[in-house]
Amino acid sequence: MNPNFDYEKKRIDYSSGYIFKGKHYRCSVIKYRTLYERALKGTETVEIYHFAPKEDIAGSILILHGLGSLNIPFLFWMGSHLASAGLQASILILPGNFTRTANGSMSGKDFFSTDLDRLITFWEHAVIDTRSTLDLLEQEGIWQKNNCVLGYCLGGMVSVIASAIEKERIKHTILMTVGGNMARIFWESPTVAFARRGFRSGEGEKGFLNKREELINTFDRNIEKLKGFSDVQELLSSDVHPLFKIDPLAYAQFIPSDKVTMIEALFDRALPKQSRKLLWKLLGKPKKYIVPVGHVTWLPFEYALGRYVLKKLGIKEARKQMRLLEPTKVDDTIDEENV
């Protein structure tokens, strides 16, 4: 099975309702039926948590979360505070995670399924939902020309693929604790130890996912072929391994390096160091910051990341930057303002 990130574009029919508000923003949940044609049960409805500023709008940010569910509440902090500072902040729930977990599965697990076809299905779905979310945000006048995509972990990997395809619509991409080389992640990351247990039980035969050396060596050869591809379509039509076709390494060269920032966690144990270093290299060695945190322990330090996002989008007003320091206060009072 070869990945396909195309879909039929059309006007999106959606629902939207306010769920809470803060002093400087309102949060609504936006839902629409996915445009991905092979969505599995439980993943059919796209969910976006949208934080809209009450004051002047300075730009837009689309946030893609990491694997699983635990990181998402921390990103809600990011959404509410960036909206308070003037950004239209949208958090897309990726298929197979959180409230969009597939029937009978576990949040995040399917992106590293030992079933190659199922794995590719979820990566296709995530990229198409990201692209169609941009469609919807543009349709409703939410996506500003001054914009960026912020991807953490899994969301960063999806962001690389989406940014390679949507170069005209995405002004800048910020990657937080992101790496590539799915072969090494499968075989070396402690996060996906469940997959290796499956391999030992005889799973993963298709695409020889369960053969460590053969898979890694194949990826090494595929990486050498990258310079021969002039665009995404040529890559997808090639004979490289299907798993490589959903790897951010394969798409890195199609994104201008000046449109990317990488933030790497010094004590990241979830991603092999080589996978992070190679992605940075293939992205053209973009601006990179190394912070003394782990893969997950950065989450309480959203303030510094929020400051960087505001700086990148040219928001210099001290009054708005100071709002990142305000404590989170949620008001769910029902009044006329919410109607």
Protein backbone atom coordinates (compact mmCIF):
# COMPACT_ATOMS: atom_id res chain seq x y z
CA MET A 1 0.00 0.00 0.00
CA ASN A 2 1.42 3.37 -1.04
CA PRO A 3 0.44 6.55 0.82
CA ASN A 4 -1.81 9.08 -0.89
CA PHE A 5 -2.32 12.52 0.62
CA ASP A 6 -4.79 13.77 -2.00
CA TYR A 7 -8.46 14.43 -1.28
CA GLU A 8 -11.46 16.08 -2.89
CA LYS A 9 -11.55 19.72 -1.88
CA LYS A 10 -14.98 21.19 -1.22
CA ARG A 11 -16.72 23.67 1.00
CA ILE A 12 -16.70 22.19 4.48
CA ASP A 13 -19.94 21.93 6.42
CA TYR A 14 -19.13 22.10 10.13
CA SER A 15 -20.55 22.69 13.58
CA SER A 16 -19.08 25.09 16.12
CA GLY A 17 -20.04 25.88 19.69
CA TYR A 18 -18.40 27.81 22.51
CA ILE A 19 -17.30 25.64 25.42
CA PHE A 20 -15.54 28.14 27.70
CA LYS A 21 -13.88 31.52 27.73
CA GLY A 22 -11.15 33.50 29.40
CA LYS A 23 -10.58 37.20 29.95
CA HIS A 24 -9.04 37.72 26.50
CA TYR A 25 -10.30 34.77 24.44
CA ARG A 26 -13.15 32.37 23.70
CA CYS A 27 -12.73 28.67 23.03
CA SER A 28 -15.01 26.77 20.70
CA VAL A 29 -15.00 23.19 19.49
CA ILE A 30 -15.32 22.84 15.73
CA LYS A 31 -16.37 19.53 14.19
CA TYR A 32 -16.75 18.28 10.65
CA ARG A 33 -16.76 14.98 8.85
CA THR A 34 -13.29 14.08 7.65
CA LEU A 35 -12.56 14.30 3.93
CA TYR A 36 -10.41 11.17 4.23
CA GLU A 37 -12.34 8.41 2.48
CA ARG A 38 -11.01 5.43 4.45
CA ALA A 39 -11.52 6.70 7.99
CA LEU A 40 -11.92 3.97 10.58
CA LYS A 41 -14.78 3.86 13.07
CA GLY A 42 -14.18 6.39 15.83
CA THR A 43 -12.01 8.67 13.70
CA GLU A 44 -14.61 9.99 11.25
CA THR A 45 -15.19 13.36 12.91
CA VAL A 46 -12.46 16.00 12.85
CA GLU A 47 -12.22 17.99 16.11
CA ILE A 48 -10.56 21.38 16.42
CA TYR A 49 -10.34 23.34 19.66
CA HIS A 50 -10.23 26.94 18.50
CA PHE A 51 -9.11 29.78 20.77
CA ALA A 52 -10.19 33.14 19.33
CA PRO A 53 -8.86 36.48 20.63
CA LYS A 54 -11.41 38.99 21.88
CA GLU A 55 -9.21 41.85 20.67
CA ASP A 56 -7.24 42.63 17.51
CA ILE A 57 -5.95 39.59 15.61
CA ALA A 58 -2.23 39.53 14.82
CA GLY A 59 -1.88 36.12 13.15
CA SER A 60 -2.78 32.43 13.24
CA ILE A 61 -1.25 29.25 14.58
CA LEU A 62 -2.25 25.62 14.03
CA ILE A 63 -1.01 23.31 16.78
CA LEU A 64 -0.56 19.57 16.22
CA HIS A 65 -0.18 17.54 19.40
CA GLY A 66 2.03 14.58 20.23
CA LEU A 67 1.39 10.85 20.41
CA GLY A 68 -1.38 9.83 22.79
CA SER A 69 -3.46 12.02 25.09
CA LEU A 70 -1.43 13.26 28.06
CA ASN A 71 0.26 16.15 26.22
CA ILE A 72 -2.97 17.68 24.91
CA PRO A 73 -4.07 19.59 28.08
CA PHE A 74 -0.69 21.34 28.16
CA LEU A 75 -1.22 22.48 24.58
CA PHE A 76 -4.59 23.91 25.61
CA TRP A 77 -2.58 26.22 27.86
CA MET A 78 -0.62 27.25 24.78
CA GLY A 79 -3.79 27.84 22.78
CA SER A 80 -5.47 29.97 25.43
CA HIS A 81 -2.42 32.10 26.13
CA LEU A 82 -1.45 32.65 22.50
CA ALA A 83 -5.05 33.67 21.78
CA SER A 84 -4.87 36.10 24.70
CA ALA A 85 -1.83 37.62 22.98
CA GLY A 86 -3.70 38.06 19.69
CA LEU A 87 -3.32 34.83 17.72
CA GLN A 88 -6.10 32.73 16.26
CA ALA A 89 -4.96 29.46 17.87
CA SER A 90 -6.37 26.14 16.66
CA ILE A 91 -5.52 22.73 18.13
CA LEU A 92 -6.33 19.87 15.78
CA ILE A 93 -6.99 16.49 17.39
CA LEU A 94 -5.26 14.00 15.13
CA PRO A 95 -7.10 10.80 14.14
CA GLY A 96 -6.25 7.85 16.34
CA ASN A 97 -5.60 10.02 19.40
CA PHE A 98 -7.53 11.36 22.41
CA THR A 99 -11.25 11.69 21.56
CA ARG A 100 -10.62 10.34 18.03
CA THR A 101 -9.16 6.98 19.03
CA ALA A 102 -10.24 4.20 16.67
CA ASN A 103 -12.81 1.71 17.90
CA GLY A 104 -11.14 -0.97 20.03
CA SER A 105 -7.70 0.66 19.85
CA MET A 106 -5.57 2.81 22.17
CA SER A 107 -4.76 6.51 21.82
CA GLY A 108 -1.68 7.01 19.63
CA LYS A 109 -0.92 3.33 19.06
CA ASP A 110 -2.04 3.05 15.44
CA PHE A 111 0.63 5.44 14.12
CA PHE A 112 3.15 2.71 14.95
CA SER A 113 0.99 -0.30 14.20
CA THR A 114 2.76 -3.53 13.25
CA ASP A 115 0.21 -3.76 10.43
CA LEU A 116 1.81 -1.65 7.67
CA ASP A 117 -1.47 -0.94 5.88
CA ARG A 118 -3.17 0.21 9.08
CA LEU A 119 -0.18 2.39 9.97
CA ILE A 120 -0.20 4.09 6.56
CA THR A 121 -3.95 4.66 6.85
CA PHE A 122 -3.48 6.76 9.99
CA TRP A 123 -0.61 8.82 8.56
CA GLU A 124 -2.61 9.51 5.40
CA HIS A 125 -5.60 10.47 7.51
CA ALA A 126 -3.59 12.82 9.73
CA VAL A 127 -2.05 14.69 6.80
CA ILE A 128 -5.38 15.03 4.98
CA ASP A 129 -7.11 16.27 8.14
CA THR A 130 -4.34 18.83 8.60
CA ARG A 131 -4.71 20.05 5.03
CA SER A 132 -8.51 20.18 5.18
CA THR A 133 -8.32 22.03 8.50
CA LEU A 134 -6.32 24.71 6.70
CA ASP A 135 -9.09 24.72 4.08
CA LEU A 136 -11.71 25.32 6.76
CA LEU A 137 -9.70 28.01 8.55
CA GLU A 138 -9.22 29.80 5.23
CA GLN A 139 -12.87 29.33 4.32
CA GLU A 140 -13.93 31.08 7.54
CA GLY A 141 -11.30 33.84 7.36
CA ILE A 142 -9.39 32.51 10.37
CA TRP A 143 -6.10 31.53 8.70
CA GLN A 144 -4.05 34.73 8.39
CA LYS A 145 -1.13 35.36 6.05
CA ASN A 146 0.97 35.79 9.19
CA ASN A 147 0.88 32.19 10.39
CA CYS A 148 2.76 29.16 11.60
CA VAL A 149 2.25 25.50 12.37
CA LEU A 150 3.59 24.20 15.68
CA GLY A 151 4.06 20.44 15.85
CA TYR A 152 5.10 18.48 18.92
CA CYS A 153 6.44 14.91 18.62
CA LEU A 154 4.00 13.04 16.34
CA GLY A 155 2.39 16.35 15.40
CA GLY A 156 5.78 17.62 14.30
CA MET A 157 6.30 14.61 12.05
CA VAL A 158 2.90 15.21 10.46
CA SER A 159 3.74 18.93 10.20
CA VAL A 160 6.81 18.21 8.08
CA ILE A 161 4.77 16.24 5.55
CA ALA A 162 1.96 18.82 5.50
CA SER A 163 4.40 21.73 5.19
CA ALA A 164 6.14 20.08 2.24
CA ILE A 165 2.78 19.85 0.45
CA GLU A 166 1.36 23.19 1.62
CA LYS A 167 4.38 25.46 1.13
CA GLU A 168 2.22 28.32 -0.11
CA ARG A 169 -0.18 28.32 2.84
CA ILE A 170 2.19 27.63 5.75
CA LYS A 171 4.53 30.54 6.41
CA HIS A 172 6.63 28.91 9.13
CA THR A 173 6.87 25.52 10.84
CA ILE A 174 8.07 25.08 14.43
CA LEU A 175 9.08 21.54 15.32
CA MET A 176 9.27 20.63 19.00
CA THR A 177 11.10 17.40 19.90
CA VAL A 178 10.76 15.88 16.44
CA GLY A 179 12.83 13.27 14.60
CA GLY A 180 12.66 11.03 11.58
CA ASN A 181 13.69 7.56 10.42
CA MET A 182 10.70 5.39 11.24
CA ALA A 183 12.84 2.27 11.00
CA ARG A 184 15.03 3.33 13.92
CA ILE A 185 12.11 4.72 15.89
CA PHE A 186 10.36 1.37 15.57
CA TRP A 187 13.43 -0.51 16.76
CA GLU A 188 15.06 1.92 19.20
CA SER A 189 12.44 4.17 20.79
CA PRO A 190 11.17 3.07 24.23
CA THR A 191 7.84 4.71 23.37
CA VAL A 192 7.02 2.04 20.79
CA ALA A 193 8.26 -0.99 22.73
CA PHE A 194 4.74 -2.41 22.25
CA ALA A 195 5.49 -2.79 18.53
CA ARG A 196 8.66 -4.77 19.20
CA ARG A 197 6.69 -7.10 21.44
CA GLY A 198 4.37 -7.61 18.49
CA PHE A 199 7.31 -8.34 16.21
CA ARG A 200 8.50 -11.04 18.61
CA SER A 201 5.03 -12.58 18.39
CA GLY A 202 5.24 -12.83 14.61
CA GLU A 203 3.59 -9.54 13.64
CA GLY A 204 4.98 -7.05 11.12
CA GLU A 205 5.87 -9.42 8.29
CA LYS A 206 4.48 -7.16 5.56
CA GLY A 207 7.18 -4.69 4.59
CA PHE A 208 9.58 -6.70 6.81
CA LEU A 209 8.95 -4.31 9.71
CA ASN A 210 9.89 -7.19 12.02
CA LYS A 211 13.39 -7.55 10.51
CA ARG A 212 15.52 -4.92 12.17
CA GLU A 213 18.65 -4.94 10.04
CA GLU A 214 16.84 -5.34 6.73
CA LEU A 215 14.46 -2.48 7.51
CA ILE A 216 17.18 -0.10 8.73
CA ASN A 217 19.47 -0.91 5.79
CA THR A 218 16.60 -0.34 3.36
CA PHE A 219 15.95 3.07 4.91
CA ASP A 220 19.64 3.95 4.63
CA ARG A 221 19.51 3.17 0.90
CA ASN A 222 16.26 5.11 0.50
CA ILE A 223 17.81 8.17 2.15
CA GLU A 224 20.55 8.09 -0.48
CA LYS A 225 17.87 8.29 -3.19
CA LEU A 226 16.26 11.46 -1.85
CA LYS A 227 18.29 13.90 -3.95
CA GLY A 228 16.85 12.29 -7.06
CA PHE A 229 13.29 13.40 -6.25
CA SER A 230 12.24 16.84 -7.46
CA ASP A 231 8.85 16.96 -5.73
CA VAL A 232 6.51 15.11 -3.38
CA GLN A 233 4.64 13.34 -6.17
CA GLU A 234 7.84 11.93 -7.60
CA LEU A 235 8.75 10.58 -4.17
CA LEU A 236 5.33 8.97 -3.70
CA SER A 237 5.53 7.36 -7.16
CA SER A 238 8.97 5.89 -6.52
CA ASP A 239 9.98 2.40 -5.38
CA VAL A 240 11.20 3.41 -1.91
CA HIS A 241 9.78 1.49 1.04
CA PRO A 242 6.12 2.40 1.78
CA LEU A 243 7.03 3.15 5.40
CA PHE A 244 9.65 5.63 4.18
CA LYS A 245 6.90 7.48 2.31
CA ILE A 246 5.31 8.56 5.60
CA ASP A 247 8.66 9.46 7.19
CA PRO A 248 9.44 13.17 7.69
CA LEU A 249 12.98 12.51 6.45
CA ALA A 250 11.55 11.93 2.97
CA TYR A 251 9.82 15.34 2.88
CA ALA A 252 12.40 17.53 4.60
CA GLN A 253 14.16 18.65 1.42
CA PHE A 254 10.93 20.10 0.00
CA ILE A 255 10.65 22.76 2.75
CA PRO A 256 12.86 25.90 2.59
CA SER A 257 15.15 25.82 5.62
CA ASP A 258 14.39 29.45 6.49
CA LYS A 259 10.75 28.46 7.07
CA VAL A 260 11.60 25.95 9.81
CA THR A 261 12.68 26.15 13.44
CA MET A 262 13.64 23.05 15.42
CA ILE A 263 13.52 22.92 19.20
CA GLU A 264 15.33 19.87 20.52
CA ALA A 265 15.17 18.46 24.04
CA LEU A 266 18.68 17.74 25.31
CA PHE A 267 17.53 14.82 27.45
CA ASP A 268 15.09 13.33 24.92
CA ARG A 269 14.98 9.56 25.40
CA ALA A 270 11.88 8.93 23.31
CA LEU A 271 13.58 9.66 19.98
CA PRO A 272 17.00 8.29 18.99
CA LYS A 273 19.54 11.12 18.80
CA GLN A 274 20.47 10.09 15.27
CA SER A 275 16.85 10.49 14.12
CA ARG A 276 16.73 14.09 15.37
CA LYS A 277 20.12 15.01 13.95
CA LEU A 278 19.38 13.52 10.53
CA LEU A 279 16.04 15.32 10.24
CA TRP A 280 17.76 18.63 11.04
CA LYS A 281 20.39 17.92 8.39
CA LEU A 282 17.86 16.97 5.69
CA LEU A 283 15.80 20.08 6.50
CA GLY A 284 18.84 22.09 5.42
CA LYS A 285 20.16 22.73 8.94
CA PRO A 286 17.51 25.29 9.94
CA LYS A 287 17.69 27.39 13.08
CA LYS A 288 17.79 25.03 16.05
CA TYR A 289 17.51 25.53 19.79
CA ILE A 290 18.56 22.88 22.28
CA VAL A 291 16.85 23.18 25.65
CA PRO A 292 17.84 21.27 28.83
CA VAL A 293 14.62 19.27 29.17
CA GLY A 294 13.31 15.83 28.26
CA HIS A 295 10.84 14.75 25.60
CA VAL A 296 7.89 15.29 27.94
CA THR A 297 9.30 17.48 30.74
CA TRP A 298 9.30 20.56 28.47
CA LEU A 299 5.55 20.77 28.79
CA PRO A 300 5.50 22.90 31.98
CA PHE A 301 7.78 25.42 30.21
CA GLU A 302 5.21 26.59 27.68
CA TYR A 303 5.94 30.24 28.48
CA ALA A 304 9.33 30.20 26.76
CA LEU A 305 7.87 28.47 23.72
CA GLY A 306 4.97 30.92 23.65
CA ARG A 307 7.41 33.85 23.72
CA TYR A 308 9.25 32.38 20.76
CA VAL A 309 6.03 31.93 18.76
CA LEU A 310 5.06 35.56 19.37
CA LYS A 311 8.53 36.71 18.35
CA LYS A 312 8.41 34.61 15.18
CA LEU A 313 5.07 36.12 14.20
CA GLY A 314 6.24 39.65 14.94
CA ILE A 315 4.14 40.31 18.04
CA LYS A 316 6.36 42.63 20.06
CA GLU A 317 3.81 44.52 22.13
CA ALA A 318 4.84 44.09 25.78
CA ARG A 319 1.22 44.14 26.97
CA LYS A 320 0.40 41.08 24.88
CA GLN A 321 3.60 39.25 25.74
CA MET A 322 2.87 39.70 29.44
CA ARG A 323 -0.40 37.82 28.99
CA LEU A 324 1.61 34.62 28.68
CA LEU A 325 2.33 35.00 32.39
CA GLU A 326 -1.30 35.27 33.41
CA PRO A 327 -2.73 32.28 35.30
CA THR A 328 -5.30 30.17 33.51
CA LYS A 329 -8.81 31.23 34.49
CA VAL A 330 -11.70 29.53 32.76
CA ASP A 331 -15.22 30.94 32.82
CA ASP A 332 -18.08 28.71 31.66
CA THR A 333 -20.85 31.05 32.78
CA ILE A 334 -23.78 31.05 30.36
CA ASP A 335 -24.59 34.60 29.28
CA GLU A 336 -25.57 36.55 26.19
CA GLU A 337 -21.95 36.93 25.15
CA ASN A 338 -21.78 33.20 24.47
CA VAL A 339 -24.88 33.05 22.31
